[in-house]
Amino acid sequence: MNQDPVAVLAVPEHVERDVYMVNVNQFSGCVFVKALDFFRSQGGFTQDWGKNWIPIVATGIEDARERGCALPGAKPYEKQAKP
């Protein structure tokens, strides 16, 4: 049974969410996540290294990583390194 990935990752409206910046490593498929404020403070919007990062709305860092796993080239969430 195929489920719509957007429906699977849907978050109820009453749950607090934040913006995280996500990058998929093109070689390893690993998903990297930074909180928006941290990304901004490191110069992610002005430095070359920040060009391939995309914003994702999520309930936390791990939720952002899981959502990032739906991006092209990403390994499945179950195969990502966890803290």
PDB file of N, CA and C in Angstrom:
ATOM      1  N   MET A   1       0.849  -1.176   0.000  1.00  0.00           N
ATOM      2  CA  MET A   1       0.000   0.000   0.000  1.00  0.00           C
ATOM      3  C   MET A   1       0.895   1.240   0.000  1.00  0.00           C
ATOM      4  N   ASN A   2       0.769   2.083  -1.020  1.00  0.00           N
ATOM      5  CA  ASN A   2       1.541   3.319  -1.106  1.00  0.00           C
ATOM      6  C   ASN A   2       0.785   4.434  -0.428  1.00  0.00           C
ATOM      7  N   GLN A   3       1.487   5.136   0.469  1.00  0.00           N
ATOM      8  CA  GLN A   3       0.884   6.273   1.151  1.00  0.00           C
ATOM      9  C   GLN A   3       1.481   7.553   0.609  1.00  0.00           C
ATOM     10  N   ASP A   4       0.693   8.596   0.603  1.00  0.00           N
ATOM     11  CA  ASP A   4       1.165   9.913   0.202  1.00  0.00           C
ATOM     12  C   ASP A   4       2.167  10.381   1.255  1.00  0.00           C
ATOM     13  N   PRO A   5       3.450  10.653   0.863  1.00  0.00           N
ATOM     14  CA  PRO A   5       4.451  11.057   1.864  1.00  0.00           C
ATOM     15  C   PRO A   5       4.084  12.348   2.578  1.00  0.00           C
ATOM     16  N   VAL A   6       3.365  13.236   1.912  1.00  0.00           N
ATOM     17  CA  VAL A   6       2.953  14.476   2.560  1.00  0.00           C
ATOM     18  C   VAL A   6       1.940  14.175   3.662  1.00  0.00           C
ATOM     19  N   ALA A   7       1.017  13.269   3.393  1.00  0.00           N
ATOM     20  CA  ALA A   7       0.015  12.914   4.397  1.00  0.00           C
ATOM     21  C   ALA A   7       0.666  12.220   5.593  1.00  0.00           C
ATOM     22  N   VAL A   8       1.652  11.380   5.341  1.00  0.00           N
ATOM     23  CA  VAL A   8       2.339  10.667   6.415  1.00  0.00           C
ATOM     24  C   VAL A   8       3.073  11.650   7.325  1.00  0.00           C
ATOM     25  N   LEU A   9       3.628  12.714   6.739  1.00  0.00           N
ATOM     26  CA  LEU A   9       4.417  13.670   7.500  1.00  0.00           C
ATOM     27  C   LEU A   9       3.607  14.862   7.982  1.00  0.00           C
ATOM     28  N   ALA A  10       2.302  14.844   7.773  1.00  0.00           N
ATOM     29  CA  ALA A  10       1.463  15.974   8.178  1.00  0.00           C
ATOM     30  C   ALA A  10       1.525  16.164   9.692  1.00  0.00           C
ATOM     31  N   VAL A  11       1.489  17.424  10.117  1.00  0.00           N
ATOM     32  CA  VAL A  11       1.548  17.777  11.536  1.00  0.00           C
ATOM     33  C   VAL A  11       0.251  18.487  11.898  1.00  0.00           C
ATOM     34  N   PRO A  12      -0.402  18.067  12.971  1.00  0.00           N
ATOM     35  CA  PRO A  12      -1.619  18.773  13.384  1.00  0.00           C
ATOM     36  C   PRO A  12      -1.350  20.256  13.607  1.00  0.00           C
ATOM     37  N   GLU A  13      -2.330  21.096  13.308  1.00  0.00           N
ATOM     38  CA  GLU A  13      -2.143  22.543  13.387  1.00  0.00           C
ATOM     39  C   GLU A  13      -1.785  23.036  14.786  1.00  0.00           C
ATOM     40  N   HIS A  14      -2.210  22.355  15.834  1.00  0.00           N
ATOM     41  CA  HIS A  14      -1.954  22.838  17.191  1.00  0.00           C
ATOM     42  C   HIS A  14      -0.544  22.527  17.692  1.00  0.00           C
ATOM     43  N   VAL A  15       0.259  21.814  16.907  1.00  0.00           N
ATOM     44  CA  VAL A  15       1.614  21.459  17.301  1.00  0.00           C
ATOM     45  C   VAL A  15       2.562  22.581  16.859  1.00  0.00           C
ATOM     46  N   GLU A  16       3.410  23.040  17.786  1.00  0.00           N
ATOM     47  CA  GLU A  16       4.354  24.115  17.484  1.00  0.00           C
ATOM     48  C   GLU A  16       5.415  23.630  16.500  1.00  0.00           C
ATOM     49  N   ARG A  17       5.714  24.479  15.529  1.00  0.00           N
ATOM     50  CA  ARG A  17       6.702  24.135  14.505  1.00  0.00           C
ATOM     51  C   ARG A  17       7.702  25.274  14.350  1.00  0.00           C
ATOM     52  N   ASP A  18       8.881  24.939  13.837  1.00  0.00           N
ATOM     53  CA  ASP A  18       9.927  25.915  13.561  1.00  0.00           C
ATOM     54  C   ASP A  18      10.490  25.639  12.176  1.00  0.00           C
ATOM     55  N   VAL A  19      11.321  26.555  11.694  1.00  0.00           N
ATOM     56  CA  VAL A  19      11.974  26.376  10.401  1.00  0.00           C
ATOM     57  C   VAL A  19      13.395  25.866  10.636  1.00  0.00           C
ATOM     58  N   TYR A  20      13.753  24.848   9.900  1.00  0.00           N
ATOM     59  CA  TYR A  20      15.090  24.261   9.940  1.00  0.00           C
ATOM     60  C   TYR A  20      15.644  24.266   8.527  1.00  0.00           C
ATOM     61  N   MET A  21      16.946  24.348   8.413  1.00  0.00           N
ATOM     62  CA  MET A  21      17.603  24.281   7.121  1.00  0.00           C
ATOM     63  C   MET A  21      18.158  22.872   6.952  1.00  0.00           C
ATOM     64  N   VAL A  22      17.920  22.288   5.775  1.00  0.00           N
ATOM     65  CA  VAL A  22      18.263  20.890   5.527  1.00  0.00           C
ATOM     66  C   VAL A  22      19.119  20.788   4.263  1.00  0.00           C
ATOM     67  N   ASN A  23      20.105  19.901   4.317  1.00  0.00           N
ATOM     68  CA  ASN A  23      20.961  19.643   3.167  1.00  0.00           C
ATOM     69  C   ASN A  23      21.150  18.140   3.030  1.00  0.00           C
ATOM     70  N   VAL A  24      21.031  17.638   1.801  1.00  0.00           N
ATOM     71  CA  VAL A  24      21.281  16.224   1.526  1.00  0.00           C
ATOM     72  C   VAL A  24      22.658  16.116   0.879  1.00  0.00           C
ATOM     73  N   ASN A  25      23.557  15.357   1.513  1.00  0.00           N
ATOM     74  CA  ASN A  25      24.885  15.135   0.954  1.00  0.00           C
ATOM     75  C   ASN A  25      24.729  14.297  -0.313  1.00  0.00           C
ATOM     76  N   GLN A  26      25.216  14.825  -1.442  1.00  0.00           N
ATOM     77  CA  GLN A  26      25.015  14.177  -2.732  1.00  0.00           C
ATOM     78  C   GLN A  26      25.767  12.853  -2.870  1.00  0.00           C
ATOM     79  N   PHE A  27      26.768  12.618  -2.037  1.00  0.00           N
ATOM     80  CA  PHE A  27      27.549  11.384  -2.142  1.00  0.00           C
ATOM     81  C   PHE A  27      27.068  10.305  -1.179  1.00  0.00           C
ATOM     82  N   SER A  28      26.768  10.701   0.064  1.00  0.00           N
ATOM     83  CA  SER A  28      26.404   9.705   1.081  1.00  0.00           C
ATOM     84  C   SER A  28      24.905   9.560   1.285  1.00  0.00           C
ATOM     85  N   GLY A  29      24.120  10.555   0.872  1.00  0.00           N
ATOM     86  CA  GLY A  29      22.682  10.526   1.106  1.00  0.00           C
ATOM     87  C   GLY A  29      22.306  10.942   2.518  1.00  0.00           C
ATOM     88  N   CYS A  30      23.289  11.374   3.307  1.00  0.00           N
ATOM     89  CA  CYS A  30      23.013  11.807   4.679  1.00  0.00           C
ATOM     90  C   CYS A  30      22.296  13.158   4.666  1.00  0.00           C
ATOM     91  N   VAL A  31      21.365  13.319   5.589  1.00  0.00           N
ATOM     92  CA  VAL A  31      20.606  14.556   5.715  1.00  0.00           C
ATOM     93  C   VAL A  31      21.156  15.340   6.903  1.00  0.00           C
ATOM     94  N   PHE A  32      21.601  16.566   6.642  1.00  0.00           N
ATOM     95  CA  PHE A  32      22.129  17.437   7.681  1.00  0.00           C
ATOM     96  C   PHE A  32      21.099  18.510   7.989  1.00  0.00           C
ATOM     97  N   VAL A  33      20.979  18.868   9.270  1.00  0.00           N
ATOM     98  CA  VAL A  33      19.953  19.820   9.708  1.00  0.00           C
ATOM     99  C   VAL A  33      20.583  20.873  10.617  1.00  0.00           C
ATOM    100  N   LYS A  34      20.181  22.124  10.406  1.00  0.00           N
ATOM    101  CA  LYS A  34      20.572  23.228  11.288  1.00  0.00           C
ATOM    102  C   LYS A  34      19.320  24.038  11.602  1.00  0.00           C
ATOM    103  N   ALA A  35      19.209  24.509  12.826  1.00  0.00           N
ATOM    104  CA  ALA A  35      18.130  25.430  13.170  1.00  0.00           C
ATOM    105  C   ALA A  35      18.334  26.710  12.369  1.00  0.00           C
ATOM    106  N   LEU A  36      17.246  27.347  11.941  1.00  0.00           N
ATOM    107  CA  LEU A  36      17.315  28.525  11.086  1.00  0.00           C
ATOM    108  C   LEU A  36      18.204  29.624  11.675  1.00  0.00           C
ATOM    109  N   ASP A  37      18.028  29.944  12.953  1.00  0.00           N
ATOM    110  CA  ASP A  37      18.831  31.008  13.571  1.00  0.00           C
ATOM    111  C   ASP A  37      20.324  30.675  13.568  1.00  0.00           C
ATOM    112  N   PHE A  38      20.653  29.422  13.829  1.00  0.00           N
ATOM    113  CA  PHE A  38      22.047  28.995  13.817  1.00  0.00           C
ATOM    114  C   PHE A  38      22.613  29.074  12.406  1.00  0.00           C
ATOM    115  N   PHE A  39      21.845  28.606  11.433  1.00  0.00           N
ATOM    116  CA  PHE A  39      22.239  28.671  10.020  1.00  0.00           C
ATOM    117  C   PHE A  39      22.524  30.115   9.619  1.00  0.00           C
ATOM    118  N   ARG A  40      21.619  31.010  10.014  1.00  0.00           N
ATOM    119  CA  ARG A  40      21.779  32.441   9.688  1.00  0.00           C
ATOM    120  C   ARG A  40      23.031  33.013  10.371  1.00  0.00           C
ATOM    121  N   SER A  41      23.233  32.677  11.644  1.00  0.00           N
ATOM    122  CA  SER A  41      24.380  33.219  12.387  1.00  0.00           C
ATOM    123  C   SER A  41      25.713  32.740  11.823  1.00  0.00           C
ATOM    124  N   GLN A  42      25.721  31.586  11.172  1.00  0.00           N
ATOM    125  CA  GLN A  42      26.945  31.053  10.556  1.00  0.00           C
ATOM    126  C   GLN A  42      27.185  31.629   9.164  1.00  0.00           C
ATOM    127  N   GLY A  43      26.245  32.441   8.670  1.00  0.00           N
ATOM    128  CA  GLY A  43      26.396  33.028   7.348  1.00  0.00           C
ATOM    129  C   GLY A  43      25.863  32.162   6.226  1.00  0.00           C
ATOM    130  N   GLY A  44      24.982  31.246   6.550  1.00  0.00           N
ATOM    131  CA  GLY A  44      24.457  30.320   5.548  1.00  0.00           C
ATOM    132  C   GLY A  44      23.747  30.963   4.378  1.00  0.00           C
ATOM    133  N   PHE A  45      23.181  32.162   4.576  1.00  0.00           N
ATOM    134  CA  PHE A  45      22.489  32.833   3.479  1.00  0.00           C
ATOM    135  C   PHE A  45      23.433  33.664   2.614  1.00  0.00           C
ATOM    136  N   THR A  46      24.650  33.881   3.075  1.00  0.00           N
ATOM    137  CA  THR A  46      25.579  34.723   2.332  1.00  0.00           C
ATOM    138  C   THR A  46      26.834  33.983   1.862  1.00  0.00           C
ATOM    139  N   GLN A  47      27.118  32.813   2.436  1.00  0.00           N
ATOM    140  CA  GLN A  47      28.314  32.046   2.086  1.00  0.00           C
ATOM    141  C   GLN A  47      27.978  30.990   1.026  1.00  0.00           C
ATOM    142  N   ASP A  48      28.976  30.624   0.233  1.00  0.00           N
ATOM    143  CA  ASP A  48      28.776  29.611  -0.811  1.00  0.00           C
ATOM    144  C   ASP A  48      28.283  28.275  -0.261  1.00  0.00           C
ATOM    145  N   TRP A  49      28.769  27.893   0.926  1.00  0.00           N
ATOM    146  CA  TRP A  49      28.393  26.579   1.469  1.00  0.00           C
ATOM    147  C   TRP A  49      26.891  26.475   1.738  1.00  0.00           C
ATOM    148  N   GLY A  50      26.189  27.595   1.887  1.00  0.00           N
ATOM    149  CA  GLY A  50      24.766  27.569   2.217  1.00  0.00           C
ATOM    150  C   GLY A  50      23.825  27.500   1.027  1.00  0.00           C
ATOM    151  N   LYS A  51      24.373  27.510  -0.187  1.00  0.00           N
ATOM    152  CA  LYS A  51      23.537  27.569  -1.389  1.00  0.00           C
ATOM    153  C   LYS A  51      22.592  26.390  -1.572  1.00  0.00           C
ATOM    154  N   ASN A  52      22.987  25.209  -1.166  1.00  0.00           N
ATOM    155  CA  ASN A  52      22.168  24.013  -1.423  1.00  0.00           C
ATOM    156  C   ASN A  52      21.273  23.621  -0.259  1.00  0.00           C
ATOM    157  N   TRP A  53      21.194  24.440   0.779  1.00  0.00           N
ATOM    158  CA  TRP A  53      20.347  24.146   1.923  1.00  0.00           C
ATOM    159  C   TRP A  53      18.942  24.656   1.642  1.00  0.00           C
ATOM    160  N   ILE A  54      17.943  23.897   2.075  1.00  0.00           N
ATOM    161  CA  ILE A  54      16.563  24.321   1.853  1.00  0.00           C
ATOM    162  C   ILE A  54      15.822  24.401   3.189  1.00  0.00           C
ATOM    163  N   PRO A  55      14.848  25.293   3.301  1.00  0.00           N
ATOM    164  CA  PRO A  55      14.073  25.396   4.538  1.00  0.00           C
ATOM    165  C   PRO A  55      12.994  24.309   4.612  1.00  0.00           C
ATOM    166  N   ILE A  56      12.819  23.792   5.813  1.00  0.00           N
ATOM    167  CA  ILE A  56      11.760  22.812   6.084  1.00  0.00           C
ATOM    168  C   ILE A  56      11.092  23.204   7.397  1.00  0.00           C
ATOM    169  N   VAL A  57       9.776  23.169   7.415  1.00  0.00           N
ATOM    170  CA  VAL A  57       9.022  23.434   8.640  1.00  0.00           C
ATOM    171  C   VAL A  57       8.814  22.099   9.344  1.00  0.00           C
ATOM    172  N   ALA A  58       9.206  22.046  10.625  1.00  0.00           N
ATOM    173  CA  ALA A  58       9.135  20.788  11.368  1.00  0.00           C
ATOM    174  C   ALA A  58       8.952  21.071  12.857  1.00  0.00           C
ATOM    175  N   THR A  59       8.668  20.016  13.602  1.00  0.00           N
ATOM    176  CA  THR A  59       8.454  20.148  15.043  1.00  0.00           C
ATOM    177  C   THR A  59       9.755  20.077  15.833  1.00  0.00           C
ATOM    178  N   GLY A  60      10.841  19.657  15.206  1.00  0.00           N
ATOM    179  CA  GLY A  60      12.139  19.553  15.879  1.00  0.00           C
ATOM    180  C   GLY A  60      13.194  19.101  14.891  1.00  0.00           C
ATOM    181  N   ILE A  61      14.423  19.006  15.365  1.00  0.00           N
ATOM    182  CA  ILE A  61      15.536  18.638  14.482  1.00  0.00           C
ATOM    183  C   ILE A  61      15.337  17.250  13.864  1.00  0.00           C
ATOM    184  N   GLU A  62      14.942  16.280  14.657  1.00  0.00           N
ATOM    185  CA  GLU A  62      14.761  14.934  14.105  1.00  0.00           C
ATOM    186  C   GLU A  62      13.576  14.873  13.152  1.00  0.00           C
ATOM    187  N   ASP A  63      12.530  15.639  13.434  1.00  0.00           N
ATOM    188  CA  ASP A  63      11.394  15.709  12.508  1.00  0.00           C
ATOM    189  C   ASP A  63      11.861  16.331  11.191  1.00  0.00           C
ATOM    190  N   ALA A  64      12.701  17.356  11.253  1.00  0.00           N
ATOM    191  CA  ALA A  64      13.239  17.974  10.040  1.00  0.00           C
ATOM    192  C   ALA A  64      14.093  16.974   9.262  1.00  0.00           C
ATOM    193  N   ARG A  65      14.910  16.173   9.981  1.00  0.00           N
ATOM    194  CA  ARG A  65      15.733  15.156   9.312  1.00  0.00           C
ATOM    195  C   ARG A  65      14.838  14.134   8.611  1.00  0.00           C
ATOM    196  N   GLU A  66      13.778  13.707   9.297  1.00  0.00           N
ATOM    197  CA  GLU A  66      12.863  12.728   8.700  1.00  0.00           C
ATOM    198  C   GLU A  66      12.197  13.300   7.456  1.00  0.00           C
ATOM    199  N   ARG A  67      11.781  14.548   7.522  1.00  0.00           N
ATOM    200  CA  ARG A  67      11.166  15.192   6.357  1.00  0.00           C
ATOM    201  C   ARG A  67      12.183  15.361   5.234  1.00  0.00           C
ATOM    202  N   GLY A  68      13.436  15.646   5.601  1.00  0.00           N
ATOM    203  CA  GLY A  68      14.495  15.786   4.611  1.00  0.00           C
ATOM    204  C   GLY A  68      14.788  14.490   3.879  1.00  0.00           C
ATOM    205  N   CYS A  69      14.483  13.379   4.507  1.00  0.00           N
ATOM    206  CA  CYS A  69      14.702  12.077   3.874  1.00  0.00           C
ATOM    207  C   CYS A  69      13.780  11.852   2.680  1.00  0.00           C
ATOM    208  N   ALA A  70      12.771  12.677   2.522  1.00  0.00           N
ATOM    209  CA  ALA A  70      11.878  12.594   1.367  1.00  0.00           C
ATOM    210  C   ALA A  70      12.457  13.332   0.157  1.00  0.00           C
ATOM    211  N   LEU A  71      13.578  14.043   0.350  1.00  0.00           N
ATOM    212  CA  LEU A  71      14.201  14.792  -0.740  1.00  0.00           C
ATOM    213  C   LEU A  71      15.003  13.859  -1.642  1.00  0.00           C
ATOM    214  N   PRO A  72      15.167  14.243  -2.916  1.00  0.00           N
ATOM    215  CA  PRO A  72      15.933  13.405  -3.851  1.00  0.00           C
ATOM    216  C   PRO A  72      17.358  13.162  -3.354  1.00  0.00           C
ATOM    217  N   GLY A  73      17.796  11.913  -3.453  1.00  0.00           N
ATOM    218  CA  GLY A  73      19.152  11.543  -3.084  1.00  0.00           C
ATOM    219  C   GLY A  73      19.363  11.181  -1.625  1.00  0.00           C
ATOM    220  N   ALA A  74      18.350  11.385  -0.784  1.00  0.00           N
ATOM    221  CA  ALA A  74      18.496  11.107   0.648  1.00  0.00           C
ATOM    222  C   ALA A  74      18.286   9.629   0.948  1.00  0.00           C
ATOM    223  N   LYS A  75      19.086   9.125   1.903  1.00  0.00           N
ATOM    224  CA  LYS A  75      18.860   7.766   2.401  1.00  0.00           C
ATOM    225  C   LYS A  75      17.579   7.761   3.235  1.00  0.00           C
ATOM    226  N   PRO A  76      16.929   6.605   3.360  1.00  0.00           N
ATOM    227  CA  PRO A  76      15.758   6.522   4.220  1.00  0.00           C
ATOM    228  C   PRO A  76      16.103   6.916   5.665  1.00  0.00           C
ATOM    229  N   TYR A  77      15.130   7.423   6.374  1.00  0.00           N
ATOM    230  CA  TYR A  77      15.337   7.891   7.744  1.00  0.00           C
ATOM    231  C   TYR A  77      15.934   6.795   8.620  1.00  0.00           C
ATOM    232  N   GLU A  78      15.504   5.574   8.438  1.00  0.00           N
ATOM    233  CA  GLU A  78      15.984   4.461   9.275  1.00  0.00           C
ATOM    234  C   GLU A  78      17.486   4.216   9.095  1.00  0.00           C
ATOM    235  N   LYS A  79      18.058   4.684   7.978  1.00  0.00           N
ATOM    236  CA  LYS A  79      19.487   4.457   7.708  1.00  0.00           C
ATOM    237  C   LYS A  79      20.334   5.693   7.996  1.00  0.00           C
ATOM    238  N   GLN A  80      19.714   6.756   8.511  1.00  0.00           N
ATOM    239  CA  GLN A  80      20.459   7.964   8.861  1.00  0.00           C
ATOM    240  C   GLN A  80      21.126   7.776  10.224  1.00  0.00           C
ATOM    241  N   ALA A  81      22.290   8.395  10.393  1.00  0.00           N
ATOM    242  CA  ALA A  81      22.963   8.375  11.694  1.00  0.00           C
ATOM    243  C   ALA A  81      22.144   9.196  12.675  1.00  0.00           C
ATOM    244  N   LYS A  82      21.985   8.710  13.868  1.00  0.00           N
ATOM    245  CA  LYS A  82      21.206   9.407  14.905  1.00  0.00           C
ATOM    246  C   LYS A  82      22.142   9.854  16.016  1.00  0.00           C
ATOM    247  N   PRO A  83      21.821  10.992  16.646  1.00  0.00           N
ATOM    248  CA  PRO A  83      22.666  11.459  17.754  1.00  0.00           C
ATOM    249  C   PRO A  83      22.595  10.536  18.951  1.00  0.00           C
TER     250      PRO A  83
END
